[in-house]
Amino acid sequence: MSRLPRGEYDLIPASAETRGHGTTGQARFWAERLRQFLATLPVRAASAESGP
Protein backbone atom coordinates (compact mmCIF):
# COMPACT_ATOMS: atom_id res chain seq x y z
CA MET A 1 0.00 0.00 0.00
CA SER A 2 2.90 2.38 0.54
CA ARG A 3 3.41 2.53 -3.25
CA LEU A 4 -0.15 3.75 -3.81
CA PRO A 5 -0.47 7.38 -2.68
CA ARG A 6 -4.27 7.17 -2.27
CA GLY A 7 -4.43 3.43 -1.72
CA GLU A 8 -7.01 1.99 0.62
CA TYR A 9 -8.34 -1.42 1.48
CA ASP A 10 -11.51 -2.52 3.13
CA LEU A 11 -11.70 -5.48 5.44
CA ILE A 12 -15.03 -7.26 5.40
CA PRO A 13 -15.39 -8.93 8.79
CA ALA A 14 -16.16 -12.64 8.83
CA SER A 15 -19.77 -13.42 9.61
CA ALA A 16 -22.41 -16.06 9.02
CA GLU A 17 -23.13 -14.30 5.69
CA THR A 18 -19.56 -14.22 4.33
CA ARG A 19 -17.90 -17.11 2.50
CA GLY A 20 -14.15 -16.53 2.68
CA HIS A 21 -12.71 -15.56 -0.70
CA GLY A 22 -16.14 -16.20 -2.21
CA THR A 23 -17.32 -13.03 -0.51
CA THR A 24 -15.67 -11.03 -3.31
CA GLY A 25 -18.45 -12.24 -5.58
CA GLN A 26 -21.14 -10.87 -3.27
CA ALA A 27 -21.48 -7.21 -4.24
CA ARG A 28 -23.73 -6.40 -1.31
CA PHE A 29 -20.63 -6.37 0.88
CA TRP A 30 -18.59 -3.92 -1.19
CA ALA A 31 -20.77 -2.18 -3.83
CA GLU A 32 -21.42 0.98 -1.81
CA ARG A 33 -17.72 1.44 -1.05
CA LEU A 34 -16.94 1.01 -4.77
CA ARG A 35 -19.56 3.64 -5.67
CA GLN A 36 -17.98 6.04 -3.19
CA PHE A 37 -14.51 5.42 -4.62
CA LEU A 38 -15.61 5.85 -8.24
CA ALA A 39 -17.31 9.13 -7.35
CA THR A 40 -13.92 10.53 -6.29
CA LEU A 41 -12.26 9.88 -9.65
CA PRO A 42 -11.91 12.70 -12.17
CA VAL A 43 -14.06 12.53 -15.28
CA ARG A 44 -12.00 12.15 -18.44
CA ALA A 45 -13.26 12.97 -21.91
CA ALA A 46 -13.24 10.10 -24.40
CA SER A 47 -10.90 10.46 -27.35
CA ALA A 48 -10.89 8.82 -30.76
CA GLU A 49 -7.47 7.37 -29.95
CA SER A 50 -8.74 5.38 -26.98
CA GLY A 51 -10.73 2.91 -29.07
CA PRO A 52 -10.82 -0.86 -28.57
C-alpha atoms as a PDB file:
ATOM      1  CA  MET A   1       0.000   0.000   0.000  1.00  0.00           C
ATOM      2  CA  SER A   2       2.901   2.380   0.536  1.00  0.00           C
ATOM      3  CA  ARG A   3       3.415   2.534  -3.251  1.00  0.00           C
ATOM      4  CA  LEU A   4      -0.145   3.746  -3.810  1.00  0.00           C
ATOM      5  CA  PRO A   5      -0.474   7.376  -2.675  1.00  0.00           C
ATOM      6  CA  ARG A   6      -4.267   7.170  -2.273  1.00  0.00           C
ATOM      7  CA  GLY A   7      -4.434   3.427  -1.724  1.00  0.00           C
ATOM      8  CA  GLU A   8      -7.008   1.988   0.623  1.00  0.00           C
ATOM      9  CA  TYR A   9      -8.339  -1.423   1.477  1.00  0.00           C
ATOM     10  CA  ASP A  10     -11.511  -2.518   3.128  1.00  0.00           C
ATOM     11  CA  LEU A  11     -11.698  -5.477   5.441  1.00  0.00           C
ATOM     12  CA  ILE A  12     -15.026  -7.264   5.399  1.00  0.00           C
ATOM     13  CA  PRO A  13     -15.385  -8.928   8.794  1.00  0.00           C
ATOM     14  CA  ALA A  14     -16.157 -12.638   8.831  1.00  0.00           C
ATOM     15  CA  SER A  15     -19.768 -13.425   9.614  1.00  0.00           C
ATOM     16  CA  ALA A  16     -22.415 -16.061   9.016  1.00  0.00           C
ATOM     17  CA  GLU A  17     -23.134 -14.302   5.691  1.00  0.00           C
ATOM     18  CA  THR A  18     -19.560 -14.220   4.327  1.00  0.00           C
ATOM     19  CA  ARG A  19     -17.905 -17.106   2.502  1.00  0.00           C
ATOM     20  CA  GLY A  20     -14.153 -16.534   2.679  1.00  0.00           C
ATOM     21  CA  HIS A  21     -12.707 -15.561  -0.698  1.00  0.00           C
ATOM     22  CA  GLY A  22     -16.138 -16.202  -2.214  1.00  0.00           C
ATOM     23  CA  THR A  23     -17.316 -13.030  -0.512  1.00  0.00           C
ATOM     24  CA  THR A  24     -15.665 -11.028  -3.306  1.00  0.00           C
ATOM     25  CA  GLY A  25     -18.448 -12.244  -5.583  1.00  0.00           C
ATOM     26  CA  GLN A  26     -21.138 -10.868  -3.273  1.00  0.00           C
ATOM     27  CA  ALA A  27     -21.478  -7.207  -4.244  1.00  0.00           C
ATOM     28  CA  ARG A  28     -23.734  -6.397  -1.312  1.00  0.00           C
ATOM     29  CA  PHE A  29     -20.634  -6.366   0.883  1.00  0.00           C
ATOM     30  CA  TRP A  30     -18.588  -3.921  -1.192  1.00  0.00           C
ATOM     31  CA  ALA A  31     -20.774  -2.182  -3.831  1.00  0.00           C
ATOM     32  CA  GLU A  32     -21.420   0.981  -1.809  1.00  0.00           C
ATOM     33  CA  ARG A  33     -17.722   1.443  -1.052  1.00  0.00           C
ATOM     34  CA  LEU A  34     -16.943   1.008  -4.768  1.00  0.00           C
ATOM     35  CA  ARG A  35     -19.564   3.639  -5.665  1.00  0.00           C
ATOM     36  CA  GLN A  36     -17.980   6.039  -3.188  1.00  0.00           C
ATOM     37  CA  PHE A  37     -14.512   5.421  -4.622  1.00  0.00           C
ATOM     38  CA  LEU A  38     -15.614   5.847  -8.242  1.00  0.00           C
ATOM     39  CA  ALA A  39     -17.311   9.127  -7.347  1.00  0.00           C
ATOM     40  CA  THR A  40     -13.918  10.535  -6.285  1.00  0.00           C
ATOM     41  CA  LEU A  41     -12.264   9.879  -9.649  1.00  0.00           C
ATOM     42  CA  PRO A  42     -11.909  12.704 -12.166  1.00  0.00           C
ATOM     43  CA  VAL A  43     -14.064  12.526 -15.278  1.00  0.00           C
ATOM     44  CA  ARG A  44     -12.004  12.152 -18.444  1.00  0.00           C
ATOM     45  CA  ALA A  45     -13.262  12.966 -21.914  1.00  0.00           C
ATOM     46  CA  ALA A  46     -13.239  10.099 -24.399  1.00  0.00           C
ATOM     47  CA  SER A  47     -10.899  10.464 -27.352  1.00  0.00           C
ATOM     48  CA  ALA A  48     -10.893   8.820 -30.762  1.00  0.00           C
ATOM     49  CA  GLU A  49      -7.467   7.373 -29.950  1.00  0.00           C
ATOM     50  CA  SER A  50      -8.741   5.377 -26.980  1.00  0.00           C
ATOM     51  CA  GLY A  51     -10.733   2.912 -29.069  1.00  0.00           C
ATOM     52  CA  PRO A  52     -10.816  -0.863 -28.574  1.00  0.00           C
END
